[in-house]
Amino acid sequence: MSRPRPARRGRDEGTVTAFVVVLFAAFVMFAGLIVDAGGALADKSSAMGVAQEAARAGAQQLDLTVLRQGGTVRLLPEQAVAAARSYLAQAGATGTVTVVDNTVAVTVTAVHDNLLLGVVGLDTLTVTATGSAHPAPPVGAVP
């Protein structure tokens, strides 16, 4: 009767451990990409809403004298910028406001703090959203 031979230990000792460590790191990075990219997308959507609403607030600042005299809809640029900035401040957002050719354009920048990608050194993602609005002619006005 032969005795069972003891298992030989070869050079591949510990390779499963290294494989599991690499696989786990890849899984964490992939999960981080999904979670943090989803959070950044949600922040971008929120920033887009704020930018659009700030632009609408600015587009309500009409030159009533010109409107009453001739029916021309024209913005008061300084007041439009001030109204849009006021909306941004109330929303707790940061951004830029410009008025060009009777259109108010607002760009909002937001920073998303990453939950999992910080492990690999990517602590934040910056998202930017824009919105624009122009004043509409009064209801019932003849073009």
C-alpha atoms as a PDB file:
ATOM      1  CA  MET A   1       0.000   0.000   0.000  1.00  0.00           C
ATOM      2  CA  SER A   2       1.409   3.326  -0.932  1.00  0.00           C
ATOM      3  CA  ARG A   3       1.224   6.325   1.249  1.00  0.00           C
ATOM      4  CA  PRO A   4      -0.271   9.508  -0.113  1.00  0.00           C
ATOM      5  CA  ARG A   5       2.321  11.949  -1.157  1.00  0.00           C
ATOM      6  CA  PRO A   6       2.293  15.336   0.534  1.00  0.00           C
ATOM      7  CA  ALA A   7       1.151  18.180  -1.670  1.00  0.00           C
ATOM      8  CA  ARG A   8       4.005  19.930  -3.383  1.00  0.00           C
ATOM      9  CA  ARG A   9       4.396  23.586  -2.881  1.00  0.00           C
ATOM     10  CA  GLY A  10       5.384  25.247  -6.078  1.00  0.00           C
ATOM     11  CA  ARG A  11       6.196  28.694  -7.257  1.00  0.00           C
ATOM     12  CA  ASP A  12       2.553  29.706  -7.624  1.00  0.00           C
ATOM     13  CA  GLU A  13       2.069  30.096  -3.911  1.00  0.00           C
ATOM     14  CA  GLY A  14       0.054  33.258  -3.179  1.00  0.00           C
ATOM     15  CA  THR A  15      -1.077  33.916  -6.748  1.00  0.00           C
ATOM     16  CA  VAL A  16      -4.727  33.559  -5.805  1.00  0.00           C
ATOM     17  CA  THR A  17      -4.275  36.226  -3.141  1.00  0.00           C
ATOM     18  CA  ALA A  18      -2.716  38.644  -5.624  1.00  0.00           C
ATOM     19  CA  PHE A  19      -5.487  37.917  -8.116  1.00  0.00           C
ATOM     20  CA  VAL A  20      -8.187  38.587  -5.510  1.00  0.00           C
ATOM     21  CA  VAL A  21      -6.533  41.856  -4.458  1.00  0.00           C
ATOM     22  CA  VAL A  22      -6.326  43.098  -8.063  1.00  0.00           C
ATOM     23  CA  LEU A  23      -9.890  41.976  -8.778  1.00  0.00           C
ATOM     24  CA  PHE A  24     -11.172  43.696  -5.635  1.00  0.00           C
ATOM     25  CA  ALA A  25      -9.364  46.938  -6.540  1.00  0.00           C
ATOM     26  CA  ALA A  26     -10.877  46.842 -10.030  1.00  0.00           C
ATOM     27  CA  PHE A  27     -14.313  46.226  -8.542  1.00  0.00           C
ATOM     28  CA  VAL A  28     -13.978  49.191  -6.157  1.00  0.00           C
ATOM     29  CA  MET A  29     -12.868  51.456  -9.010  1.00  0.00           C
ATOM     30  CA  PHE A  30     -15.762  50.306 -11.207  1.00  0.00           C
ATOM     31  CA  ALA A  31     -18.276  50.751  -8.381  1.00  0.00           C
ATOM     32  CA  GLY A  32     -16.785  54.163  -7.651  1.00  0.00           C
ATOM     33  CA  LEU A  33     -17.151  55.159 -11.267  1.00  0.00           C
ATOM     34  CA  ILE A  34     -20.809  54.156 -11.261  1.00  0.00           C
ATOM     35  CA  VAL A  35     -21.678  55.750  -7.910  1.00  0.00           C
ATOM     36  CA  ASP A  36     -19.678  58.947  -8.317  1.00  0.00           C
ATOM     37  CA  ALA A  37     -20.534  59.476 -11.984  1.00  0.00           C
ATOM     38  CA  GLY A  38     -24.201  59.071 -11.072  1.00  0.00           C
ATOM     39  CA  GLY A  39     -23.820  61.631  -8.305  1.00  0.00           C
ATOM     40  CA  ALA A  40     -22.042  64.038 -10.640  1.00  0.00           C
ATOM     41  CA  LEU A  41     -24.811  63.594 -13.210  1.00  0.00           C
ATOM     42  CA  ALA A  42     -27.421  64.400 -10.561  1.00  0.00           C
ATOM     43  CA  ASP A  43     -25.436  67.502  -9.564  1.00  0.00           C
ATOM     44  CA  LYS A  44     -25.237  68.565 -13.217  1.00  0.00           C
ATOM     45  CA  SER A  45     -28.988  68.172 -13.601  1.00  0.00           C
ATOM     46  CA  SER A  46     -29.550  70.286 -10.506  1.00  0.00           C
ATOM     47  CA  ALA A  47     -27.080  72.922 -11.735  1.00  0.00           C
ATOM     48  CA  MET A  48     -28.857  73.013 -15.090  1.00  0.00           C
ATOM     49  CA  GLY A  49     -32.169  73.714 -13.374  1.00  0.00           C
ATOM     50  CA  VAL A  50     -30.632  76.506 -11.313  1.00  0.00           C
ATOM     51  CA  ALA A  51     -28.960  78.024 -14.394  1.00  0.00           C
ATOM     52  CA  GLN A  52     -32.207  77.964 -16.362  1.00  0.00           C
ATOM     53  CA  GLU A  53     -34.235  79.509 -13.547  1.00  0.00           C
ATOM     54  CA  ALA A  54     -31.624  82.217 -12.965  1.00  0.00           C
ATOM     55  CA  ALA A  55     -31.739  83.046 -16.679  1.00  0.00           C
ATOM     56  CA  ARG A  56     -35.533  83.279 -16.516  1.00  0.00           C
ATOM     57  CA  ALA A  57     -35.308  85.596 -13.517  1.00  0.00           C
ATOM     58  CA  GLY A  58     -32.978  87.836 -15.497  1.00  0.00           C
ATOM     59  CA  ALA A  59     -35.173  87.752 -18.601  1.00  0.00           C
ATOM     60  CA  GLN A  60     -38.044  89.272 -16.628  1.00  0.00           C
ATOM     61  CA  GLN A  61     -36.211  92.583 -16.251  1.00  0.00           C
ATOM     62  CA  LEU A  62     -37.823  94.505 -19.104  1.00  0.00           C
ATOM     63  CA  ASP A  63     -37.506  98.110 -20.190  1.00  0.00           C
ATOM     64  CA  LEU A  64     -41.152  99.010 -19.573  1.00  0.00           C
ATOM     65  CA  THR A  65     -40.830 102.498 -21.067  1.00  0.00           C
ATOM     66  CA  VAL A  66     -39.813 101.124 -24.472  1.00  0.00           C
ATOM     67  CA  LEU A  67     -42.438  98.381 -24.217  1.00  0.00           C
ATOM     68  CA  ARG A  68     -45.256 100.867 -23.508  1.00  0.00           C
ATOM     69  CA  GLN A  69     -44.157 103.324 -26.179  1.00  0.00           C
ATOM     70  CA  GLY A  70     -43.684 100.982 -29.081  1.00  0.00           C
ATOM     71  CA  GLY A  71     -44.338  97.425 -27.985  1.00  0.00           C
ATOM     72  CA  THR A  72     -40.675  96.461 -28.330  1.00  0.00           C
ATOM     73  CA  VAL A  73     -39.509  93.914 -25.785  1.00  0.00           C
ATOM     74  CA  ARG A  74     -36.055  94.866 -24.564  1.00  0.00           C
ATOM     75  CA  LEU A  75     -34.051  93.857 -21.511  1.00  0.00           C
ATOM     76  CA  LEU A  76     -32.439  96.153 -19.000  1.00  0.00           C
ATOM     77  CA  PRO A  77     -29.018  94.437 -19.009  1.00  0.00           C
ATOM     78  CA  GLU A  78     -27.763  95.603 -15.608  1.00  0.00           C
ATOM     79  CA  GLN A  79     -31.013  94.684 -13.870  1.00  0.00           C
ATOM     80  CA  ALA A  80     -31.128  91.357 -15.703  1.00  0.00           C
ATOM     81  CA  VAL A  81     -27.625  90.467 -14.504  1.00  0.00           C
ATOM     82  CA  ALA A  82     -28.473  91.560 -10.956  1.00  0.00           C
ATOM     83  CA  ALA A  83     -31.687  89.494 -10.891  1.00  0.00           C
ATOM     84  CA  ALA A  84     -29.937  86.388 -12.206  1.00  0.00           C
ATOM     85  CA  ARG A  85     -27.088  86.766  -9.706  1.00  0.00           C
ATOM     86  CA  SER A  86     -29.608  87.244  -6.914  1.00  0.00           C
ATOM     87  CA  TYR A  87     -31.300  83.991  -7.894  1.00  0.00           C
ATOM     88  CA  LEU A  88     -27.941  82.202  -7.926  1.00  0.00           C
ATOM     89  CA  ALA A  89     -27.145  83.533  -4.456  1.00  0.00           C
ATOM     90  CA  GLN A  90     -30.526  82.416  -3.098  1.00  0.00           C
ATOM     91  CA  ALA A  91     -29.974  78.957  -4.586  1.00  0.00           C
ATOM     92  CA  GLY A  92     -26.481  78.760  -3.074  1.00  0.00           C
ATOM     93  CA  ALA A  93     -24.886  78.376  -6.501  1.00  0.00           C
ATOM     94  CA  THR A  94     -21.910  80.026  -8.161  1.00  0.00           C
ATOM     95  CA  GLY A  95     -21.815  81.043 -11.776  1.00  0.00           C
ATOM     96  CA  THR A  96     -21.510  83.719 -14.408  1.00  0.00           C
ATOM     97  CA  VAL A  97     -24.224  85.812 -16.017  1.00  0.00           C
ATOM     98  CA  THR A  98     -24.067  87.564 -19.382  1.00  0.00           C
ATOM     99  CA  VAL A  99     -26.603  89.478 -21.442  1.00  0.00           C
ATOM    100  CA  VAL A 100     -26.105  89.494 -25.209  1.00  0.00           C
ATOM    101  CA  ASP A 101     -28.674  90.477 -27.834  1.00  0.00           C
ATOM    102  CA  ASN A 102     -31.657  90.436 -25.467  1.00  0.00           C
ATOM    103  CA  THR A 103     -30.720  86.972 -24.146  1.00  0.00           C
ATOM    104  CA  VAL A 104     -29.636  86.187 -20.601  1.00  0.00           C
ATOM    105  CA  ALA A 105     -27.095  83.354 -20.392  1.00  0.00           C
ATOM    106  CA  VAL A 106     -26.131  81.784 -17.067  1.00  0.00           C
ATOM    107  CA  THR A 107     -23.353  79.258 -16.475  1.00  0.00           C
ATOM    108  CA  VAL A 108     -23.346  77.411 -13.151  1.00  0.00           C
ATOM    109  CA  THR A 109     -20.361  75.446 -11.856  1.00  0.00           C
ATOM    110  CA  ALA A 110     -20.779  72.817  -9.152  1.00  0.00           C
ATOM    111  CA  VAL A 111     -18.291  70.513  -7.457  1.00  0.00           C
ATOM    112  CA  HIS A 112     -19.299  66.930  -6.674  1.00  0.00           C
ATOM    113  CA  ASP A 113     -17.469  65.331  -3.742  1.00  0.00           C
ATOM    114  CA  ASN A 114     -16.700  61.737  -4.691  1.00  0.00           C
ATOM    115  CA  LEU A 115     -17.495  58.906  -2.324  1.00  0.00           C
ATOM    116  CA  LEU A 116     -15.442  56.040  -3.729  1.00  0.00           C
ATOM    117  CA  LEU A 117     -13.144  57.519  -6.367  1.00  0.00           C
ATOM    118  CA  GLY A 118     -11.344  59.425  -3.614  1.00  0.00           C
ATOM    119  CA  VAL A 119      -9.633  56.118  -2.824  1.00  0.00           C
ATOM    120  CA  VAL A 120      -7.725  56.387  -6.117  1.00  0.00           C
ATOM    121  CA  GLY A 121      -7.004  60.106  -5.696  1.00  0.00           C
ATOM    122  CA  LEU A 122      -9.983  61.611  -7.532  1.00  0.00           C
ATOM    123  CA  ASP A 123     -11.638  63.538  -4.704  1.00  0.00           C
ATOM    124  CA  THR A 124     -13.979  65.774  -6.711  1.00  0.00           C
ATOM    125  CA  LEU A 125     -15.639  66.118 -10.093  1.00  0.00           C
ATOM    126  CA  THR A 126     -16.502  69.564 -11.454  1.00  0.00           C
ATOM    127  CA  VAL A 127     -19.695  69.897 -13.468  1.00  0.00           C
ATOM    128  CA  THR A 128     -20.848  72.881 -15.512  1.00  0.00           C
ATOM    129  CA  ALA A 129     -24.341  73.654 -16.757  1.00  0.00           C
ATOM    130  CA  THR A 130     -25.750  76.501 -18.816  1.00  0.00           C
ATOM    131  CA  GLY A 131     -29.156  78.021 -19.224  1.00  0.00           C
ATOM    132  CA  SER A 132     -30.471  80.865 -21.320  1.00  0.00           C
ATOM    133  CA  ALA A 133     -33.681  82.813 -21.664  1.00  0.00           C
ATOM    134  CA  HIS A 134     -35.008  85.759 -23.590  1.00  0.00           C
ATOM    135  CA  PRO A 135     -38.064  87.861 -22.864  1.00  0.00           C
ATOM    136  CA  ALA A 136     -41.264  86.906 -24.610  1.00  0.00           C
ATOM    137  CA  PRO A 137     -43.657  89.439 -26.093  1.00  0.00           C
ATOM    138  CA  PRO A 138     -46.662  90.204 -23.902  1.00  0.00           C
ATOM    139  CA  VAL A 139     -49.687  87.947 -24.212  1.00  0.00           C
ATOM    140  CA  GLY A 140     -51.999  89.206 -26.941  1.00  0.00           C
ATOM    141  CA  ALA A 141     -49.321  91.357 -28.602  1.00  0.00           C
ATOM    142  CA  VAL A 142     -49.358  91.536 -32.373  1.00  0.00           C
ATOM    143  CA  PRO A 143     -45.988  90.536 -33.869  1.00  0.00           C
END
